Amino acid sequence: MSFSDLFDSGFKKRNEDHFAALVRVAMDDGIITDGEQAFLDRVARNLDISEADYKIILKDYKSHPINPPTSYDRRLERLFDLSRMVYADQIRGEEQEVLLHKIAVGLGFNTENAKYIVDKALTLVNEGVDIDEFTEAIKNMNR
């Protein structure tokens, strides 16, 4: 096995684990809504999850480890990416907020603060800010 094969397999595994964590978040209430399904489909495409792996992960998502980002900046980057995906999928209203709240908590944000973080994230994504502006605004919410 070449060095590049090791890198590729590690990257693929990390993407599968990340996707499985999102499936776990979506399944928190025991069902995957149509909006959550559309979101998962989009994430799977973006993470290059094959259709076969997608089906396996949906059936056995709990077998994948949860590896939330350990740094605050990495959490904000993932929140930015996932907020943009939810926004692009035209998920609106309460379903959008519920999904992003689950994601925020799954990323390691405090449960009590998640609502405020999600509200701010949605506002920023709606305004079309870039990652730097997003990160700065979320970090300075309480100032």
Protein backbone atom coordinates (compact mmCIF):
# COMPACT_ATOMS: atom_id res chain seq x y z
CA MET A 1 0.00 0.00 0.00
CA SER A 2 1.43 3.38 -0.98
CA PHE A 3 1.58 6.44 1.23
CA SER A 4 -1.07 8.17 -0.90
CA ASP A 5 -3.41 5.19 -0.42
CA LEU A 6 -3.05 5.55 3.35
CA PHE A 7 -3.88 9.26 3.12
CA ASP A 8 -6.86 8.64 0.86
CA SER A 9 -8.29 5.93 3.10
CA GLY A 10 -7.84 8.10 6.22
CA PHE A 11 -9.54 11.04 4.54
CA LYS A 12 -12.40 8.81 3.35
CA LYS A 13 -12.83 7.36 6.85
CA ARG A 14 -12.91 10.82 8.41
CA ASN A 15 -15.59 11.91 5.92
CA GLU A 16 -17.64 8.79 6.66
CA ASP A 17 -17.35 9.41 10.41
CA HIS A 18 -18.37 13.05 9.92
CA PHE A 19 -21.36 11.99 7.82
CA ALA A 20 -22.35 9.32 10.38
CA ALA A 21 -22.26 11.96 13.11
CA LEU A 22 -24.67 14.10 11.09
CA VAL A 23 -26.97 11.10 10.59
CA ARG A 24 -26.85 10.53 14.36
CA VAL A 25 -27.86 14.16 14.92
CA ALA A 26 -30.71 13.87 12.40
CA MET A 27 -31.89 10.63 14.07
CA ASP A 28 -31.90 12.23 17.52
CA ASP A 29 -35.70 12.34 17.50
CA GLY A 30 -36.04 8.92 15.85
CA ILE A 31 -36.92 10.11 12.34
CA ILE A 32 -35.28 11.82 9.41
CA THR A 33 -37.54 14.52 7.99
CA ASP A 34 -37.65 15.36 4.28
CA GLY A 35 -35.57 18.45 4.95
CA GLU A 36 -33.01 16.48 6.92
CA GLN A 37 -32.93 13.87 4.14
CA ALA A 38 -32.23 16.54 1.52
CA PHE A 39 -29.50 17.95 3.75
CA LEU A 40 -27.91 14.52 4.29
CA ASP A 41 -28.03 13.84 0.54
CA ARG A 42 -26.19 17.08 -0.12
CA VAL A 43 -23.59 16.44 2.59
CA ALA A 44 -22.99 12.93 1.25
CA ARG A 45 -22.33 14.35 -2.22
CA ASN A 46 -20.00 17.01 -0.83
CA LEU A 47 -18.09 14.46 1.25
CA ASP A 48 -17.91 12.03 -1.68
CA ILE A 49 -19.81 9.29 0.17
CA SER A 50 -20.73 6.50 -2.26
CA GLU A 51 -24.34 5.36 -2.51
CA ALA A 52 -23.38 1.98 -1.03
CA ASP A 53 -21.56 3.59 1.91
CA TYR A 54 -24.47 6.01 2.35
CA LYS A 55 -26.90 3.11 2.82
CA ILE A 56 -24.55 1.29 5.19
CA ILE A 57 -24.04 4.40 7.32
CA LEU A 58 -27.80 5.10 7.49
CA LYS A 59 -28.38 1.56 8.79
CA ASP A 60 -25.45 1.48 11.21
CA TYR A 61 -24.51 5.09 11.99
CA LYS A 62 -23.83 4.32 15.65
CA SER A 63 -20.85 2.13 14.74
CA HIS A 64 -18.88 5.22 13.65
CA PRO A 65 -17.06 7.24 16.29
CA ILE A 66 -18.11 10.80 17.00
CA ASN A 67 -15.17 13.09 16.43
CA PRO A 68 -16.34 16.65 17.01
CA PRO A 69 -13.81 19.36 16.23
CA THR A 70 -11.63 20.02 19.23
CA SER A 71 -10.88 23.66 18.51
CA TYR A 72 -13.42 26.46 18.59
CA ASP A 73 -12.27 27.72 15.20
CA ARG A 74 -12.80 24.28 13.59
CA ARG A 75 -16.30 24.14 15.14
CA LEU A 76 -17.08 27.53 13.65
CA GLU A 77 -15.79 26.41 10.24
CA ARG A 78 -18.03 23.34 10.29
CA LEU A 79 -20.98 25.37 11.52
CA PHE A 80 -20.41 27.83 8.66
CA ASP A 81 -20.26 25.06 6.05
CA LEU A 82 -23.27 23.20 7.41
CA SER A 83 -25.33 26.39 7.84
CA ARG A 84 -24.67 27.28 4.21
CA MET A 85 -25.76 23.79 3.12
CA VAL A 86 -29.00 24.00 5.08
CA TYR A 87 -29.62 27.46 3.66
CA ALA A 88 -28.84 26.30 0.09
CA ASP A 89 -31.24 23.37 0.46
CA GLN A 90 -34.06 25.85 1.02
CA ILE A 91 -34.87 24.36 4.42
CA ARG A 92 -36.79 27.17 6.09
CA GLY A 93 -38.60 28.03 9.27
CA GLU A 94 -38.75 25.83 12.32
CA GLU A 95 -37.27 22.78 10.57
CA GLN A 96 -34.17 24.81 9.65
CA GLU A 97 -33.72 25.98 13.22
CA VAL A 98 -34.29 22.53 14.72
CA LEU A 99 -31.77 20.92 12.35
CA LEU A 100 -29.12 23.55 12.93
CA HIS A 101 -29.70 23.48 16.69
CA LYS A 102 -29.06 19.72 16.66
CA ILE A 103 -25.94 20.27 14.55
CA ALA A 104 -24.64 23.04 16.83
CA VAL A 105 -25.04 20.83 19.90
CA GLY A 106 -23.47 17.91 18.02
CA LEU A 107 -20.49 20.12 17.16
CA GLY A 108 -19.96 20.78 20.86
CA PHE A 109 -21.63 24.15 21.39
CA ASN A 110 -23.30 24.62 24.76
CA THR A 111 -26.98 23.60 24.64
CA GLU A 112 -28.14 26.86 26.23
CA ASN A 113 -26.17 28.98 23.74
CA ALA A 114 -26.98 26.91 20.64
CA LYS A 115 -30.21 28.80 19.88
CA TYR A 116 -28.41 32.15 19.85
CA ILE A 117 -25.52 30.76 17.82
CA VAL A 118 -27.92 29.25 15.27
CA ASP A 119 -29.92 32.48 14.99
CA LYS A 120 -26.72 34.43 14.39
CA ALA A 121 -25.36 31.82 11.95
CA LEU A 122 -28.56 31.92 9.88
CA THR A 123 -28.55 35.71 9.81
CA LEU A 124 -24.91 35.79 8.69
CA VAL A 125 -25.39 33.13 6.00
CA ASN A 126 -28.45 34.98 4.74
CA GLU A 127 -26.30 38.12 4.47
CA GLY A 128 -23.75 36.19 2.39
CA VAL A 129 -20.73 36.74 4.65
CA ASP A 130 -17.51 34.81 4.10
CA ILE A 131 -15.89 32.45 6.62
CA ASP A 132 -13.73 35.18 8.14
CA GLU A 133 -16.66 37.53 8.74
CA PHE A 134 -18.75 34.63 10.04
CA THR A 135 -16.09 33.53 12.51
CA GLU A 136 -15.45 37.06 13.75
CA ALA A 137 -19.18 37.80 14.20
CA ILE A 138 -19.88 34.57 16.12
CA LYS A 139 -16.84 35.07 18.34
CA ASN A 140 -17.94 38.62 19.16
CA MET A 141 -21.66 37.96 19.70
CA ASN A 142 -21.59 38.90 23.37
CA ARG A 143 -19.55 42.06 23.07
